[in-house]
Amino acid sequence: MLDATGSTQDHLDQDNAHLTALDQNPNQGGILRFWESDTYCVVLGRSGSIEDDVYASRCDTDSVPVIRRSSGGGTVLQGPGCLSYSLIMPIQAHGAFKTIGSTNTFIMQTMADSFRTDLSTVSVQGHTDLTIGMNKFSGNAQRRLRHALLFHGTILYDFDLDKISYYLKQPPKQPEYRNNRPHGNFIVNCKLSRNQICDCLTHAWTSVPMHTRLE
């Protein structure tokens, strides 16, 4: 079910609240939630830099907030046409969740497989990007506590891509496959509908042998 209420900050706060609650009681099972903001917002990764990543004066002029999430990964622009998902799972739920690397591999491959019927050329590039060919449409990141993990990301399906280059600078850290391409030559919409994306991921995570509830 899509949650279309609240700001981007509200949804990131919900992610962290769910993660903390699950860490305290990992036997209650995992959560998969979908949300989308109807306004634009720049979101820095945990160690991201406004100076390096963002045209801050443009954000100020247009009243686009710049906030920070608790997970790693790069800086993103979120807003209409950008679906966000959050997977909050007990680490004990699957053997692949024991390490950061094995979690990345397992979750990203599960996601790619879920889209393959509709996007035949989907692949995982870098550590946590989903691409069509060599063009990125989804970035993802994780945060881990002792007993629970948060894996969340964005999926571009009908986004105004020109706004990315307007508000975000060329990132100083890039995956090798990007080959220093500017945003406009690198990032694409996947062109699936929002409902198709939700259906793909819902089917994927209810099919994996672990206890996941939808919110």
Protein backbone atom coordinates (compact mmCIF):
# COMPACT_ATOMS: atom_id res chain seq x y z
CA MET A 1 0.00 0.00 0.00
CA LEU A 2 1.33 3.44 -0.95
CA ASP A 3 1.62 6.11 1.74
CA ALA A 4 1.24 9.47 0.00
CA THR A 5 0.92 11.54 3.16
CA GLY A 6 3.67 13.40 4.97
CA SER A 7 6.95 14.97 3.95
CA THR A 8 10.12 13.16 2.91
CA GLN A 9 11.50 13.86 6.40
CA ASP A 10 8.38 12.31 7.93
CA HIS A 11 8.88 9.13 5.93
CA LEU A 12 12.57 8.87 6.76
CA ASP A 13 11.65 9.30 10.42
CA GLN A 14 9.11 6.48 10.04
CA ASP A 15 11.82 4.23 8.59
CA ASN A 16 14.06 4.87 11.57
CA ALA A 17 11.21 4.35 14.04
CA HIS A 18 10.31 1.01 12.45
CA LEU A 19 13.98 -0.01 12.46
CA THR A 20 14.42 0.82 16.15
CA ALA A 21 11.22 -0.99 17.10
CA LEU A 22 12.23 -4.09 15.14
CA ASP A 23 15.71 -4.06 16.63
CA GLN A 24 14.12 -4.17 20.08
CA ASN A 25 11.73 -6.97 19.10
CA PRO A 26 13.10 -8.82 16.06
CA ASN A 27 10.57 -11.65 16.40
CA GLN A 28 7.74 -9.44 15.14
CA GLY A 29 8.84 -9.84 11.50
CA GLY A 30 9.74 -7.43 8.73
CA ILE A 31 7.96 -4.59 6.96
CA LEU A 32 7.74 -3.50 3.33
CA ARG A 33 6.34 -0.01 2.80
CA PHE A 34 5.99 2.27 -0.24
CA TRP A 35 5.79 6.05 -0.22
CA GLU A 36 6.09 9.03 -2.52
CA SER A 37 6.34 12.77 -1.87
CA ASP A 38 4.40 15.29 -3.96
CA THR A 39 7.09 17.95 -3.39
CA TYR A 40 10.80 17.97 -4.22
CA CYS A 41 13.45 17.35 -1.59
CA VAL A 42 17.21 16.75 -1.72
CA VAL A 43 18.31 13.88 0.53
CA LEU A 44 21.96 13.46 1.49
CA GLY A 45 23.40 10.12 2.50
CA ARG A 46 24.79 9.77 6.00
CA SER A 47 28.21 11.16 5.03
CA GLY A 48 27.11 13.32 2.08
CA SER A 49 28.26 16.92 1.69
CA ILE A 50 26.02 19.84 0.74
CA GLU A 51 29.04 21.71 -0.61
CA ASP A 52 30.13 18.82 -2.83
CA ASP A 53 26.74 17.48 -3.91
CA VAL A 54 24.14 20.25 -4.01
CA TYR A 55 23.48 23.59 -5.72
CA ALA A 56 22.36 24.96 -2.38
CA SER A 57 21.46 28.46 -3.61
CA ARG A 58 19.03 27.02 -6.17
CA CYS A 59 17.42 24.91 -3.47
CA ASP A 60 17.10 27.95 -1.23
CA THR A 61 15.55 30.05 -3.99
CA ASP A 62 13.01 27.36 -4.87
CA SER A 63 12.34 26.34 -1.23
CA VAL A 64 13.56 22.80 -1.87
CA PRO A 65 14.64 21.38 1.51
CA VAL A 66 17.97 19.62 1.91
CA ILE A 67 17.88 16.89 4.55
CA ARG A 68 19.96 13.89 5.59
CA ARG A 69 19.01 10.23 5.96
CA SER A 70 20.54 7.76 8.38
CA SER A 71 21.74 5.28 5.72
CA GLY A 72 24.76 5.55 3.45
CA GLY A 73 24.84 6.07 -0.30
CA GLY A 74 24.78 9.13 -2.49
CA THR A 75 22.68 12.29 -2.61
CA VAL A 76 19.33 12.04 -4.41
CA LEU A 77 16.47 14.31 -5.44
CA GLN A 78 13.04 12.95 -4.51
CA GLY A 79 9.59 14.11 -5.52
CA PRO A 80 6.69 13.33 -7.87
CA GLY A 81 7.43 10.37 -10.13
CA CYS A 82 10.00 8.92 -7.72
CA LEU A 83 8.66 5.95 -5.78
CA SER A 84 10.40 5.13 -2.52
CA TYR A 85 10.30 1.75 -0.82
CA SER A 86 11.55 0.70 2.62
CA LEU A 87 12.35 -2.87 3.64
CA ILE A 88 12.89 -3.27 7.39
CA MET A 89 13.94 -6.80 8.30
CA PRO A 90 15.25 -8.79 11.28
CA ILE A 91 18.85 -9.79 10.58
CA GLN A 92 17.97 -13.29 11.74
CA ALA A 93 15.34 -13.60 9.00
CA HIS A 94 17.82 -14.75 6.34
CA GLY A 95 21.38 -16.01 6.26
CA ALA A 96 22.29 -13.45 3.60
CA PHE A 97 21.67 -10.63 6.09
CA LYS A 98 24.77 -11.45 8.18
CA THR A 99 27.05 -8.92 6.44
CA ILE A 100 26.69 -5.64 4.56
CA GLY A 101 28.02 -7.12 1.35
CA SER A 102 25.90 -10.27 1.34
CA THR A 103 22.81 -8.20 2.20
CA ASN A 104 23.46 -5.88 -0.74
CA THR A 105 23.93 -8.81 -3.11
CA PHE A 106 20.84 -10.71 -1.97
CA ILE A 107 18.41 -7.80 -1.85
CA MET A 108 19.58 -6.20 -5.09
CA GLN A 109 19.42 -9.49 -6.99
CA THR A 110 15.95 -10.18 -5.60
CA MET A 111 14.81 -6.75 -6.77
CA ALA A 112 16.35 -7.14 -10.22
CA ASP A 113 14.71 -10.54 -10.64
CA SER A 114 11.35 -9.05 -9.65
CA PHE A 115 11.52 -6.57 -12.54
CA ARG A 116 12.91 -8.88 -15.20
CA THR A 117 9.59 -9.88 -16.74
CA ASP A 118 8.78 -6.22 -17.49
CA LEU A 119 12.37 -4.94 -17.91
CA SER A 120 14.35 -7.61 -19.72
CA THR A 121 17.65 -5.68 -19.58
CA VAL A 122 17.53 -4.81 -15.86
CA SER A 123 20.78 -5.45 -13.99
CA VAL A 124 22.61 -4.60 -10.79
CA GLN A 125 25.54 -2.22 -11.27
CA GLY A 126 27.96 -0.87 -8.71
CA HIS A 127 26.92 -2.22 -5.32
CA THR A 128 23.32 -1.01 -5.07
CA ASP A 129 22.16 0.50 -8.38
CA LEU A 130 19.49 -0.92 -10.66
CA THR A 131 19.99 -0.12 -14.34
CA ILE A 132 18.41 -0.58 -17.73
CA GLY A 133 21.47 -1.39 -19.80
CA MET A 134 24.01 1.06 -18.39
CA ASN A 135 21.53 3.74 -17.26
CA LYS A 136 20.48 3.99 -13.62
CA PHE A 137 16.85 4.17 -12.50
CA SER A 138 17.18 3.10 -8.87
CA GLY A 139 19.61 3.85 -6.05
CA ASN A 140 19.54 1.99 -2.73
CA ALA A 141 21.21 2.04 0.68
CA GLN A 142 21.16 0.26 4.02
CA ARG A 143 21.48 0.95 7.74
CA ARG A 144 22.13 -1.77 10.30
CA LEU A 145 21.48 -2.06 14.01
CA ARG A 146 22.31 -5.08 16.14
CA HIS A 147 19.23 -7.16 15.31
CA ALA A 148 17.57 -5.36 12.39
CA LEU A 149 18.39 -3.67 9.11
CA LEU A 150 16.83 -1.00 6.93
CA PHE A 151 17.23 -1.31 3.17
CA HIS A 152 15.54 1.47 1.25
CA GLY A 153 15.76 3.17 -2.09
CA THR A 154 14.21 5.21 -4.87
CA ILE A 155 12.80 4.06 -8.19
CA LEU A 156 12.35 6.65 -10.94
CA TYR A 157 9.32 5.95 -13.10
CA ASP A 158 7.92 9.34 -14.22
CA PHE A 159 10.36 11.87 -12.77
CA ASP A 160 11.31 15.25 -14.21
CA LEU A 161 14.92 14.24 -14.86
CA ASP A 162 16.08 17.77 -15.77
CA LYS A 163 15.58 18.78 -12.14
CA ILE A 164 18.33 16.38 -11.04
CA SER A 165 21.02 18.28 -12.96
CA TYR A 166 19.54 21.58 -11.79
CA TYR A 167 19.70 20.84 -8.08
CA LEU A 168 22.48 18.25 -7.82
CA LYS A 169 26.13 18.61 -8.80
CA GLN A 170 28.13 15.89 -10.47
CA PRO A 171 28.93 13.53 -7.57
CA PRO A 172 32.61 13.37 -6.53
CA LYS A 173 32.31 9.62 -5.85
CA GLN A 174 30.94 7.55 -8.72
CA PRO A 175 30.67 3.86 -9.62
CA GLU A 176 33.04 2.85 -12.37
CA TYR A 177 30.25 2.00 -14.81
CA ARG A 178 29.05 5.63 -14.77
CA ASN A 179 32.23 6.66 -16.60
CA ASN A 180 31.80 10.28 -15.41
CA ARG A 181 28.61 10.76 -17.41
CA PRO A 182 26.48 13.77 -16.39
CA HIS A 183 23.11 13.12 -14.78
CA GLY A 184 21.27 13.70 -18.06
CA ASN A 185 23.19 10.92 -19.83
CA PHE A 186 23.16 8.53 -16.91
CA ILE A 187 19.80 8.55 -15.09
CA VAL A 188 16.53 7.36 -16.68
CA ASN A 189 12.95 6.55 -15.78
CA CYS A 190 12.14 2.85 -15.85
CA LYS A 191 8.76 3.67 -17.51
CA LEU A 192 6.83 1.11 -15.49
CA SER A 193 3.75 2.39 -13.72
CA ARG A 194 3.85 2.98 -9.98
CA ASN A 195 1.41 0.11 -9.50
CA GLN A 196 3.56 -2.23 -11.56
CA ILE A 197 6.60 -1.43 -9.43
CA CYS A 198 4.70 -1.99 -6.19
CA ASP A 199 3.30 -5.27 -7.50
CA CYS A 200 6.74 -6.51 -8.56
CA LEU A 201 8.38 -5.79 -5.22
CA THR A 202 5.40 -6.98 -3.18
CA HIS A 203 5.42 -10.31 -5.02
CA ALA A 204 9.19 -10.63 -4.60
CA TRP A 205 9.26 -10.06 -0.87
CA THR A 206 6.15 -12.08 -0.03
CA SER A 207 7.64 -14.97 -2.04
CA VAL A 208 10.96 -15.01 -0.18
CA PRO A 209 10.80 -17.39 2.81
CA MET A 210 10.73 -14.80 5.60
CA HIS A 211 7.96 -13.07 7.52
CA THR A 212 7.23 -9.72 5.84
CA ARG A 213 4.13 -7.59 6.30
CA LEU A 214 3.00 -4.76 4.05
CA GLU A 215 2.25 -1.26 5.32
